Amino acid sequence: MLSFAYTLLYQRREHYPAEVPWWVEILTVGCDVQDDRFEFEVTGWGAGEESWSIDYIRLYGDLSRQGIWDALADMLHKTYTRQDGTKMNVAQVCIDSGGHYTDEVYAFCRKQGADWAIPVKGSSQAGKPIATFPKTKNKKGVYLTLVGTDTAKELIYQRYRILEPGQGYCHWPIKDCFDEDYFRQATAEEKLKKYRLGVPYFTWDAKNRRNEALDCRVYSLTAIRILQQHRGINLDLLAKGRPAPEAIPDPESEDTSSKPKAIRRSSRSSYLQR
């Protein structure tokens, strides 16, 4: 039996008022690397780490050739439009480096910017922090970050169970990419109790079910933790003082050429437009 019924999350999908809803302050990407493809989720984050899934993409190709890495870079540099018209770019990328293309992941991160694209490697050690970000680059010139996967999955599954929007709540849009298969993968793992030398311990197990969507969510959570814990980003502070979304002029119903945008804060410009 699955730890969480995927149908409950699938039924919670909602119509977004825009490509990126008003309450999103920062965009991150969690990217899983398979032998024949990339899978990545673009996630928006607001106060209290309330999250809005924006897009989920599968990019197929030969990862031993440069072309698909260039295509990935183009996709990750896409600009998104928030409900108030603000242009937003991805602030942080975390990309899986634990597979068969570790060297290629490192080269990609160096080329795209070692502060922006972070290679990550999972660690299932109990109680390990979600993001163990190094103080310096390693010998490969990247900030290889260890991910406490058990800790992250525990938090993600707890948040799946939150039923009211607010702190920790997860939103998904009604889009083709967020289909039933996505939610099966996002809930694919179970927390199992096992014993080692008579001592009980817990482990997460997908039991051979596909779980790429869950991995992407783990890496996206890692990205927002890096921003908050090591880049000085405060989601709650960013969200303070903003007008209600009802104050946003509707560009389709009236001429807004002479009216100021509902919000333009230069303190966040590096995250809104890279």
C-alpha atoms as a PDB file:
ATOM      1  CA  MET A   1       0.000   0.000   0.000  1.00  0.00           C
ATOM      2  CA  LEU A   2       1.342   3.433  -0.927  1.00  0.00           C
ATOM      3  CA  SER A   3       2.226   5.886   1.824  1.00  0.00           C
ATOM      4  CA  PHE A   4      -0.117   8.398   0.244  1.00  0.00           C
ATOM      5  CA  ALA A   5      -2.946   7.954  -2.235  1.00  0.00           C
ATOM      6  CA  TYR A   6      -1.914   9.782  -5.407  1.00  0.00           C
ATOM      7  CA  THR A   7      -5.543  10.336  -6.421  1.00  0.00           C
ATOM      8  CA  LEU A   8      -6.073  12.692  -3.490  1.00  0.00           C
ATOM      9  CA  LEU A   9      -3.367  14.995  -4.797  1.00  0.00           C
ATOM     10  CA  TYR A  10      -4.479  14.649  -8.415  1.00  0.00           C
ATOM     11  CA  GLN A  11      -7.977  15.776  -7.451  1.00  0.00           C
ATOM     12  CA  ARG A  12      -6.536  18.874  -5.766  1.00  0.00           C
ATOM     13  CA  ARG A  13      -5.223  20.366  -9.000  1.00  0.00           C
ATOM     14  CA  GLU A  14      -6.421  23.900  -9.590  1.00  0.00           C
ATOM     15  CA  HIS A  15      -6.669  26.587 -12.242  1.00  0.00           C
ATOM     16  CA  TYR A  16      -3.878  29.124 -11.803  1.00  0.00           C
ATOM     17  CA  PRO A  17      -4.753  32.778 -12.483  1.00  0.00           C
ATOM     18  CA  ALA A  18      -1.529  33.131 -14.488  1.00  0.00           C
ATOM     19  CA  GLU A  19       1.556  31.184 -15.548  1.00  0.00           C
ATOM     20  CA  VAL A  20       3.018  32.025 -12.129  1.00  0.00           C
ATOM     21  CA  PRO A  21       0.499  32.883  -9.391  1.00  0.00           C
ATOM     22  CA  TRP A  22       0.707  36.169  -7.515  1.00  0.00           C
ATOM     23  CA  TRP A  23       2.003  34.670  -4.264  1.00  0.00           C
ATOM     24  CA  VAL A  24       5.192  33.185  -5.745  1.00  0.00           C
ATOM     25  CA  GLU A  25       8.394  34.961  -4.689  1.00  0.00           C
ATOM     26  CA  ILE A  26      11.115  32.646  -6.038  1.00  0.00           C
ATOM     27  CA  LEU A  27      11.395  29.951  -8.714  1.00  0.00           C
ATOM     28  CA  THR A  28      13.617  26.893  -8.369  1.00  0.00           C
ATOM     29  CA  VAL A  29      14.260  23.778 -10.457  1.00  0.00           C
ATOM     30  CA  GLY A  30      14.908  20.231  -9.309  1.00  0.00           C
ATOM     31  CA  CYS A  31      16.335  18.111 -12.127  1.00  0.00           C
ATOM     32  CA  ASP A  32      16.672  14.324 -12.206  1.00  0.00           C
ATOM     33  CA  VAL A  33      19.171  12.764 -14.620  1.00  0.00           C
ATOM     34  CA  GLN A  34      18.374   9.426 -16.252  1.00  0.00           C
ATOM     35  CA  ASP A  35      20.387   7.547 -18.875  1.00  0.00           C
ATOM     36  CA  ASP A  36      18.173   8.719 -21.743  1.00  0.00           C
ATOM     37  CA  ARG A  37      16.547  11.923 -20.460  1.00  0.00           C
ATOM     38  CA  PHE A  38      16.256  14.770 -18.018  1.00  0.00           C
ATOM     39  CA  GLU A  39      13.157  15.274 -15.931  1.00  0.00           C
ATOM     40  CA  PHE A  40      12.734  18.521 -14.076  1.00  0.00           C
ATOM     41  CA  GLU A  41      10.111  20.447 -12.174  1.00  0.00           C
ATOM     42  CA  VAL A  42       9.869  24.225 -11.964  1.00  0.00           C
ATOM     43  CA  THR A  43       8.563  25.149  -8.512  1.00  0.00           C
ATOM     44  CA  GLY A  44       7.388  28.511  -7.203  1.00  0.00           C
ATOM     45  CA  TRP A  45       7.806  29.323  -3.522  1.00  0.00           C
ATOM     46  CA  GLY A  46       6.026  31.794  -1.281  1.00  0.00           C
ATOM     47  CA  ALA A  47       5.825  32.637   2.403  1.00  0.00           C
ATOM     48  CA  GLY A  48       6.127  29.659   4.726  1.00  0.00           C
ATOM     49  CA  GLU A  49       7.481  27.549   1.843  1.00  0.00           C
ATOM     50  CA  GLU A  50       4.018  27.278   0.356  1.00  0.00           C
ATOM     51  CA  SER A  51       4.731  25.870  -3.098  1.00  0.00           C
ATOM     52  CA  TRP A  52       3.214  26.134  -6.571  1.00  0.00           C
ATOM     53  CA  SER A  53       4.326  23.615  -9.182  1.00  0.00           C
ATOM     54  CA  ILE A  54       4.689  25.559 -12.422  1.00  0.00           C
ATOM     55  CA  ASP A  55       5.855  23.021 -14.996  1.00  0.00           C
ATOM     56  CA  TYR A  56       7.184  19.474 -15.337  1.00  0.00           C
ATOM     57  CA  ILE A  57       9.319  18.619 -18.351  1.00  0.00           C
ATOM     58  CA  ARG A  58      10.883  15.466 -19.781  1.00  0.00           C
ATOM     59  CA  LEU A  59      13.722  16.056 -22.240  1.00  0.00           C
ATOM     60  CA  TYR A  60      14.886  12.956 -24.105  1.00  0.00           C
ATOM     61  CA  GLY A  61      18.195  12.511 -25.898  1.00  0.00           C
ATOM     62  CA  ASP A  62      21.747  11.186 -25.854  1.00  0.00           C
ATOM     63  CA  LEU A  63      23.365  12.541 -22.703  1.00  0.00           C
ATOM     64  CA  SER A  64      26.824  11.692 -24.030  1.00  0.00           C
ATOM     65  CA  ARG A  65      26.430  14.444 -26.637  1.00  0.00           C
ATOM     66  CA  GLN A  66      26.533  18.180 -26.005  1.00  0.00           C
ATOM     67  CA  GLY A  67      23.341  19.026 -27.865  1.00  0.00           C
ATOM     68  CA  ILE A  68      20.930  17.826 -25.204  1.00  0.00           C
ATOM     69  CA  TRP A  69      22.835  19.696 -22.479  1.00  0.00           C
ATOM     70  CA  ASP A  70      22.544  22.883 -24.506  1.00  0.00           C
ATOM     71  CA  ALA A  71      18.819  22.241 -24.911  1.00  0.00           C
ATOM     72  CA  LEU A  72      18.497  21.762 -21.145  1.00  0.00           C
ATOM     73  CA  ALA A  73      20.299  25.050 -20.525  1.00  0.00           C
ATOM     74  CA  ASP A  74      17.915  26.884 -22.859  1.00  0.00           C
ATOM     75  CA  MET A  75      14.911  25.448 -21.040  1.00  0.00           C
ATOM     76  CA  LEU A  76      16.261  26.297 -17.597  1.00  0.00           C
ATOM     77  CA  HIS A  77      16.845  29.901 -18.655  1.00  0.00           C
ATOM     78  CA  LYS A  78      13.234  30.379 -19.687  1.00  0.00           C
ATOM     79  CA  THR A  79      11.523  33.505 -18.350  1.00  0.00           C
ATOM     80  CA  TYR A  80       8.143  33.106 -16.638  1.00  0.00           C
ATOM     81  CA  THR A  81       5.457  35.743 -16.157  1.00  0.00           C
ATOM     82  CA  ARG A  82       3.851  36.289 -12.789  1.00  0.00           C
ATOM     83  CA  GLN A  83       0.243  37.378 -12.375  1.00  0.00           C
ATOM     84  CA  ASP A  84       1.227  41.041 -11.947  1.00  0.00           C
ATOM     85  CA  GLY A  85       3.302  41.011 -15.149  1.00  0.00           C
ATOM     86  CA  THR A  86       6.674  40.661 -13.407  1.00  0.00           C
ATOM     87  CA  LYS A  87       9.200  38.612 -15.386  1.00  0.00           C
ATOM     88  CA  MET A  88      10.799  35.859 -13.304  1.00  0.00           C
ATOM     89  CA  ASN A  89      13.712  33.560 -13.975  1.00  0.00           C
ATOM     90  CA  VAL A  90      14.789  30.476 -12.082  1.00  0.00           C
ATOM     91  CA  ALA A  91      16.832  31.568  -9.062  1.00  0.00           C
ATOM     92  CA  GLN A  92      18.435  28.212  -8.259  1.00  0.00           C
ATOM     93  CA  VAL A  93      18.863  24.874 -10.013  1.00  0.00           C
ATOM     94  CA  CYS A  94      19.727  21.593  -8.304  1.00  0.00           C
ATOM     95  CA  ILE A  95      20.662  18.753 -10.646  1.00  0.00           C
ATOM     96  CA  ASP A  96      21.245  15.097  -9.804  1.00  0.00           C
ATOM     97  CA  SER A  97      24.906  14.085 -10.129  1.00  0.00           C
ATOM     98  CA  GLY A  98      24.694  10.564  -8.730  1.00  0.00           C
ATOM     99  CA  GLY A  99      24.104   8.669 -11.972  1.00  0.00           C
ATOM    100  CA  HIS A 100      26.235   7.710 -14.949  1.00  0.00           C
ATOM    101  CA  TYR A 101      26.882  11.298 -16.102  1.00  0.00           C
ATOM    102  CA  THR A 102      28.570  12.868 -13.101  1.00  0.00           C
ATOM    103  CA  ASP A 103      31.356  14.526 -15.120  1.00  0.00           C
ATOM    104  CA  GLU A 104      28.837  15.933 -17.585  1.00  0.00           C
ATOM    105  CA  VAL A 105      26.724  17.338 -14.746  1.00  0.00           C
ATOM    106  CA  TYR A 106      29.780  19.021 -13.244  1.00  0.00           C
ATOM    107  CA  ALA A 107      30.735  20.518 -16.625  1.00  0.00           C
ATOM    108  CA  PHE A 108      27.167  21.752 -17.116  1.00  0.00           C
ATOM    109  CA  CYS A 109      27.129  23.437 -13.704  1.00  0.00           C
ATOM    110  CA  ARG A 110      30.474  25.157 -14.297  1.00  0.00           C
ATOM    111  CA  LYS A 111      29.325  26.430 -17.676  1.00  0.00           C
ATOM    112  CA  GLN A 112      25.960  27.697 -16.448  1.00  0.00           C
ATOM    113  CA  GLY A 113      27.419  29.235 -13.307  1.00  0.00           C
ATOM    114  CA  ALA A 114      28.535  27.317 -10.238  1.00  0.00           C
ATOM    115  CA  ASP A 115      26.457  29.533  -7.928  1.00  0.00           C
ATOM    116  CA  TRP A 116      23.297  29.000  -9.987  1.00  0.00           C
ATOM    117  CA  ALA A 117      23.461  25.329 -11.018  1.00  0.00           C
ATOM    118  CA  ILE A 118      24.255  23.066  -8.076  1.00  0.00           C
ATOM    119  CA  PRO A 119      25.073  19.358  -8.465  1.00  0.00           C
ATOM    120  CA  VAL A 120      23.453  17.280  -5.741  1.00  0.00           C
ATOM    121  CA  LYS A 121      23.962  13.777  -4.440  1.00  0.00           C
ATOM    122  CA  GLY A 122      21.523  11.904  -2.222  1.00  0.00           C
ATOM    123  CA  SER A 123      22.373  10.642   1.236  1.00  0.00           C
ATOM    124  CA  SER A 124      19.851   8.448   3.056  1.00  0.00           C
ATOM    125  CA  GLN A 125      21.438   8.940   6.477  1.00  0.00           C
ATOM    126  CA  ALA A 126      18.713   9.422   9.089  1.00  0.00           C
ATOM    127  CA  GLY A 127      18.378  12.965  10.396  1.00  0.00           C
ATOM    128  CA  LYS A 128      20.703  14.457   7.793  1.00  0.00           C
ATOM    129  CA  PRO A 129      19.833  18.074   6.835  1.00  0.00           C
ATOM    130  CA  ILE A 130      17.985  18.513   3.567  1.00  0.00           C
ATOM    131  CA  ALA A 131      20.845  20.554   2.103  1.00  0.00           C
ATOM    132  CA  THR A 132      24.463  20.252   3.235  1.00  0.00           C
ATOM    133  CA  PHE A 133      25.959  23.042   1.171  1.00  0.00           C
ATOM    134  CA  PRO A 134      29.784  23.245   1.115  1.00  0.00           C
ATOM    135  CA  LYS A 135      31.680  26.401   2.022  1.00  0.00           C
ATOM    136  CA  THR A 136      33.933  26.079  -1.016  1.00  0.00           C
ATOM    137  CA  LYS A 137      33.914  24.445  -4.423  1.00  0.00           C
ATOM    138  CA  ASN A 138      35.366  20.963  -4.748  1.00  0.00           C
ATOM    139  CA  LYS A 139      38.283  20.035  -7.005  1.00  0.00           C
ATOM    140  CA  LYS A 140      35.879  19.872  -9.948  1.00  0.00           C
ATOM    141  CA  GLY A 141      34.938  23.521  -9.448  1.00  0.00           C
ATOM    142  CA  VAL A 142      31.355  22.949  -8.260  1.00  0.00           C
ATOM    143  CA  TYR A 143      29.430  23.193  -4.995  1.00  0.00           C
ATOM    144  CA  LEU A 144      28.540  19.516  -4.649  1.00  0.00           C
ATOM    145  CA  THR A 145      25.685  19.448  -2.144  1.00  0.00           C
ATOM    146  CA  LEU A 146      24.623  16.381  -0.183  1.00  0.00           C
ATOM    147  CA  VAL A 147      20.866  15.925   0.122  1.00  0.00           C
ATOM    148  CA  GLY A 148      19.270  14.350   3.172  1.00  0.00           C
ATOM    149  CA  THR A 149      16.769  12.429   1.079  1.00  0.00           C
ATOM    150  CA  ASP A 150      15.027  10.731   4.011  1.00  0.00           C
ATOM    151  CA  THR A 151      14.555  14.079   5.757  1.00  0.00           C
ATOM    152  CA  ALA A 152      13.298  15.721   2.582  1.00  0.00           C
ATOM    153  CA  LYS A 153      10.814  12.942   1.772  1.00  0.00           C
ATOM    154  CA  GLU A 154       9.496  12.963   5.329  1.00  0.00           C
ATOM    155  CA  LEU A 155       8.774  16.698   5.034  1.00  0.00           C
ATOM    156  CA  ILE A 156       7.307  16.427   1.541  1.00  0.00           C
ATOM    157  CA  TYR A 157       4.889  13.676   2.572  1.00  0.00           C
ATOM    158  CA  GLN A 158       3.858  15.681   5.635  1.00  0.00           C
ATOM    159  CA  ARG A 159       3.104  18.607   3.351  1.00  0.00           C
ATOM    160  CA  TYR A 160       1.058  16.437   1.007  1.00  0.00           C
ATOM    161  CA  ARG A 161      -1.305  15.977   3.946  1.00  0.00           C
ATOM    162  CA  ILE A 162      -1.856  19.699   4.512  1.00  0.00           C
ATOM    163  CA  LEU A 163      -5.383  20.449   3.293  1.00  0.00           C
ATOM    164  CA  GLU A 164      -5.601  24.241   3.533  1.00  0.00           C
ATOM    165  CA  PRO A 165      -3.483  26.767   1.574  1.00  0.00           C
ATOM    166  CA  GLY A 166      -0.851  28.422   3.696  1.00  0.00           C
ATOM    167  CA  GLN A 167       2.452  27.389   5.234  1.00  0.00           C
ATOM    168  CA  GLY A 168       3.805  24.257   3.550  1.00  0.00           C
ATOM    169  CA  TYR A 169       0.765  23.683   1.324  1.00  0.00           C
ATOM    170  CA  CYS A 170       1.451  22.250  -2.159  1.00  0.00           C
ATOM    171  CA  HIS A 171      -0.392  23.529  -5.251  1.00  0.00           C
ATOM    172  CA  TRP A 172      -0.482  21.920  -8.691  1.00  0.00           C
ATOM    173  CA  PRO A 173      -2.030  23.350 -11.852  1.00  0.00           C
ATOM    174  CA  ILE A 174      -4.441  21.653 -14.200  1.00  0.00           C
ATOM    175  CA  LYS A 175      -1.914  20.946 -16.965  1.00  0.00           C
ATOM    176  CA  ASP A 176      -1.201  17.896 -19.093  1.00  0.00           C
ATOM    177  CA  CYS A 177       2.237  17.411 -17.518  1.00  0.00           C
ATOM    178  CA  PHE A 178       0.650  17.042 -14.074  1.00  0.00           C
ATOM    179  CA  ASP A 179      -1.263  13.923 -15.016  1.00  0.00           C
ATOM    180  CA  GLU A 180      -2.006  10.820 -12.976  1.00  0.00           C
ATOM    181  CA  ASP A 181       1.409   9.347 -13.807  1.00  0.00           C
ATOM    182  CA  TYR A 182       3.126  12.393 -12.311  1.00  0.00           C
ATOM    183  CA  PHE A 183       1.228  11.937  -9.040  1.00  0.00           C
ATOM    184  CA  ARG A 184       1.924   8.200  -8.992  1.00  0.00           C
ATOM    185  CA  GLN A 185       5.629   9.022  -9.169  1.00  0.00           C
ATOM    186  CA  ALA A 186       5.349  11.853  -6.628  1.00  0.00           C
ATOM    187  CA  THR A 187       3.904   9.391  -4.089  1.00  0.00           C
ATOM    188  CA  ALA A 188       5.774   6.269  -5.210  1.00  0.00           C
ATOM    189  CA  GLU A 189       7.828   5.662  -2.085  1.00  0.00           C
ATOM    190  CA  GLU A 190       6.852   4.099   1.219  1.00  0.00           C
ATOM    191  CA  LYS A 191       8.424   4.604   4.609  1.00  0.00           C
ATOM    192  CA  LEU A 192       9.284   1.110   5.834  1.00  0.00           C
ATOM    193  CA  LYS A 193      10.412  -0.120   9.225  1.00  0.00           C
ATOM    194  CA  LYS A 194      13.339  -2.520   9.084  1.00  0.00           C
ATOM    195  CA  TYR A 195      15.775  -4.052  11.526  1.00  0.00           C
ATOM    196  CA  ARG A 196      19.563  -4.181  11.584  1.00  0.00           C
ATOM    197  CA  LEU A 197      21.071  -6.429  14.258  1.00  0.00           C
ATOM    198  CA  GLY A 198      17.764  -6.251  16.069  1.00  0.00           C
ATOM    199  CA  VAL A 199      17.693  -2.433  16.042  1.00  0.00           C
ATOM    200  CA  PRO A 200      14.742  -0.862  14.204  1.00  0.00           C
ATOM    201  CA  TYR A 201      15.271   1.832  11.583  1.00  0.00           C
ATOM    202  CA  PHE A 202      13.209   3.448   8.823  1.00  0.00           C
ATOM    203  CA  THR A 203      13.935   3.644   5.117  1.00  0.00           C
ATOM    204  CA  TRP A 204      12.125   4.951   2.042  1.00  0.00           C
ATOM    205  CA  ASP A 205      11.521   2.440  -0.745  1.00  0.00           C
ATOM    206  CA  ALA A 206       9.877   2.857  -4.160  1.00  0.00           C
ATOM    207  CA  LYS A 207       9.626  -0.933  -4.608  1.00  0.00           C
ATOM    208  CA  ASN A 208      10.671  -0.628  -8.262  1.00  0.00           C
ATOM    209  CA  ARG A 209       8.022   1.994  -8.984  1.00  0.00           C
ATOM    210  CA  ARG A 210       9.087   5.037 -10.985  1.00  0.00           C
ATOM    211  CA  ASN A 211       9.787   7.935  -8.645  1.00  0.00           C
ATOM    212  CA  GLU A 212      11.420  10.628 -10.786  1.00  0.00           C
ATOM    213  CA  ALA A 213       8.753  13.209  -9.903  1.00  0.00           C
ATOM    214  CA  LEU A 214       9.447  12.712  -6.198  1.00  0.00           C
ATOM    215  CA  ASP A 215      13.182  13.073  -6.789  1.00  0.00           C
ATOM    216  CA  CYS A 216      12.597  16.322  -8.669  1.00  0.00           C
ATOM    217  CA  ARG A 217      10.513  17.634  -5.781  1.00  0.00           C
ATOM    218  CA  VAL A 218      13.294  16.675  -3.337  1.00  0.00           C
ATOM    219  CA  TYR A 219      15.869  18.556  -5.419  1.00  0.00           C
ATOM    220  CA  SER A 220      13.633  21.610  -5.800  1.00  0.00           C
ATOM    221  CA  LEU A 221      13.143  21.671  -2.029  1.00  0.00           C
ATOM    222  CA  THR A 222      16.928  21.447  -1.699  1.00  0.00           C
ATOM    223  CA  ALA A 223      17.280  24.465  -3.999  1.00  0.00           C
ATOM    224  CA  ILE A 224      14.981  26.673  -1.930  1.00  0.00           C
ATOM    225  CA  ARG A 225      16.777  25.596   1.250  1.00  0.00           C
ATOM    226  CA  ILE A 226      20.123  26.603  -0.295  1.00  0.00           C
ATOM    227  CA  LEU A 227      18.700  30.008  -1.149  1.00  0.00           C
ATOM    228  CA  GLN A 228      17.324  30.531   2.342  1.00  0.00           C
ATOM    229  CA  GLN A 229      20.169  29.080   4.376  1.00  0.00           C
ATOM    230  CA  HIS A 230      23.160  30.150   2.302  1.00  0.00           C
ATOM    231  CA  ARG A 231      22.024  33.018   0.036  1.00  0.00           C
ATOM    232  CA  GLY A 232      20.172  35.130   2.599  1.00  0.00           C
ATOM    233  CA  ILE A 233      16.724  34.792   1.007  1.00  0.00           C
ATOM    234  CA  ASN A 234      13.792  35.280   3.398  1.00  0.00           C
ATOM    235  CA  LEU A 235      10.525  34.189   1.768  1.00  0.00           C
ATOM    236  CA  ASP A 236       8.377  35.602   4.559  1.00  0.00           C
ATOM    237  CA  LEU A 237      10.092  38.987   4.366  1.00  0.00           C
ATOM    238  CA  LEU A 238       9.725  39.125   0.595  1.00  0.00           C
ATOM    239  CA  ALA A 239       5.996  38.483   0.899  1.00  0.00           C
ATOM    240  CA  LYS A 240       5.374  41.244   3.447  1.00  0.00           C
ATOM    241  CA  GLY A 241       3.868  44.528   2.350  1.00  0.00           C
ATOM    242  CA  ARG A 242       2.502  43.328  -0.971  1.00  0.00           C
ATOM    243  CA  PRO A 243      -0.951  44.460  -2.033  1.00  0.00           C
ATOM    244  CA  ALA A 244      -3.755  41.944  -2.336  1.00  0.00           C
ATOM    245  CA  PRO A 245      -3.936  40.187  -5.731  1.00  0.00           C
ATOM    246  CA  GLU A 246      -7.257  41.936  -6.380  1.00  0.00           C
ATOM    247  CA  ALA A 247      -5.241  45.157  -6.767  1.00  0.00           C
ATOM    248  CA  ILE A 248      -3.596  43.862  -9.939  1.00  0.00           C
ATOM    249  CA  PRO A 249      -5.035  45.517 -13.066  1.00  0.00           C
ATOM    250  CA  ASP A 250      -6.432  43.073 -15.585  1.00  0.00           C
ATOM    251  CA  PRO A 251      -4.531  43.780 -18.842  1.00  0.00           C
ATOM    252  CA  GLU A 252      -7.311  42.210 -20.907  1.00  0.00           C
ATOM    253  CA  SER A 253     -10.076  44.379 -19.462  1.00  0.00           C
ATOM    254  CA  GLU A 254      -8.494  47.837 -19.279  1.00  0.00           C
ATOM    255  CA  ASP A 255      -5.661  49.978 -20.553  1.00  0.00           C
ATOM    256  CA  THR A 256      -2.843  49.772 -18.043  1.00  0.00           C
ATOM    257  CA  SER A 257      -0.184  51.561 -20.088  1.00  0.00           C
ATOM    258  CA  SER A 258      -0.279  54.615 -17.847  1.00  0.00           C
ATOM    259  CA  LYS A 259      -0.594  52.715 -14.588  1.00  0.00           C
ATOM    260  CA  PRO A 260       2.271  51.429 -12.470  1.00  0.00           C
ATOM    261  CA  LYS A 261       2.755  47.743 -11.909  1.00  0.00           C
ATOM    262  CA  ALA A 262       1.275  46.431  -8.701  1.00  0.00           C
ATOM    263  CA  ILE A 263       4.758  45.593  -7.444  1.00  0.00           C
ATOM    264  CA  ARG A 264       8.305  46.243  -8.601  1.00  0.00           C
ATOM    265  CA  ARG A 265      10.919  45.725  -5.933  1.00  0.00           C
ATOM    266  CA  SER A 266      14.481  46.298  -7.013  1.00  0.00           C
ATOM    267  CA  SER A 267      15.757  44.296  -4.038  1.00  0.00           C
ATOM    268  CA  ARG A 268      14.602  41.134  -5.834  1.00  0.00           C
ATOM    269  CA  SER A 269      15.599  42.084  -9.367  1.00  0.00           C
ATOM    270  CA  SER A 270      18.368  39.472  -9.600  1.00  0.00           C
ATOM    271  CA  TYR A 271      15.825  36.719  -9.018  1.00  0.00           C
ATOM    272  CA  LEU A 272      13.153  38.197 -11.264  1.00  0.00           C
ATOM    273  CA  GLN A 273      15.349  38.817 -14.294  1.00  0.00           C
ATOM    274  CA  ARG A 274      18.745  37.193 -14.619  1.00  0.00           C
END
